[in-house]
Amino acid sequence: MNKAYLVFPIFLALFVGVQASYSQVESQDITIQNNDLPYSLEPLTQSQLEECENIYEDYTTLGESVFNQRYLYHKSVGNCVMLYEDPIWETEGDDRYEKLSDRLATLVTMREAERIQDKSQAMFLDITSITELQIEGTYLVLFNGCTGHDYLSLDDIVVASDVETVTAAPPGAEGRILSPGKCGTAEIQIRADDPDSISVVVPSMSIEKVMAMGGFKIMSPRHQMMEGTALNEVVCKEGLELMKKTSAGTAACVKSTSVDKLVERGWGTLA
């Protein structure tokens, strides 16, 4: 399984508990919301609260999207934003930091409760955006999910396309077990001939769990062939046509409207 195309995964401390730095790939139209920002479950020190004050001007002038992308790797930026959006931020006086710290503890507790109540009653994985990068045929996939009531191995979560399958586990986090009620967001780079073929799946998931998530998802042609499916027996999603790629002799599912054009280019033939 190819792990070379992971790009700055964002696993919130709540979800994975680890963060890693990766070289950023230029992309467009990626929206990071306040609820996606990482935040610390531990109380902030006075120094960290002072840092919140230092970046507050950027929060008020840059706009939510630009601010969130700029400070995405700031480990406690989510805590800062919680305070910015609460009336406690206007508090003044010698005990300001003490009051901010006390209120932040309550806000973090409330955020945790909301995540568990709203998102983790049942296990789910959901793609929120697929953005084409400057490298043709390469996409940045943003997805989120929750473990629900069960334990889940991070190695089991994969992003699949009609070209490759990429594990969600960042280097160094292989084998990590996610406990029940944990949620998070991740961004992964993957190659695809057809972006509609991209999906987030857990291949080893039991039938009961799959049905709880809304039913089975069709694996990518590449993944089906890796599992031993003959090329002419590969199943495509509704609206896609099965083709054989000329260069590699492998299966691909493409839009029906693209078949004639691809055949003319010599890219492939109908299987």
Foldseek 3Di string as FASTA:
>chain_A
DDAVFFAQWWWACLWQNDGDHGDHADFDDDADALLQAHADLDFDDPVVVVVLVVCVVVPVPVDGRVSCVVCRVVRHVSLSVLLVVDPLVPDDDPCSSVSSRVVSNVVSVVSLVCLLVPAQQAWEKAWDDWTDGPPPQKIKIKIKIFPHQAKDFQQQKWKAELPGIHGPQDPPRHRPITHGSGMHMTITMDGYPAPVRIDIDRVVDDQVNQVSHPHDDQGHQVVVVVVPDDQVRRDDPPQWFWWQAPVPRGIHTHGPVCQVVCVVVVRTGGD
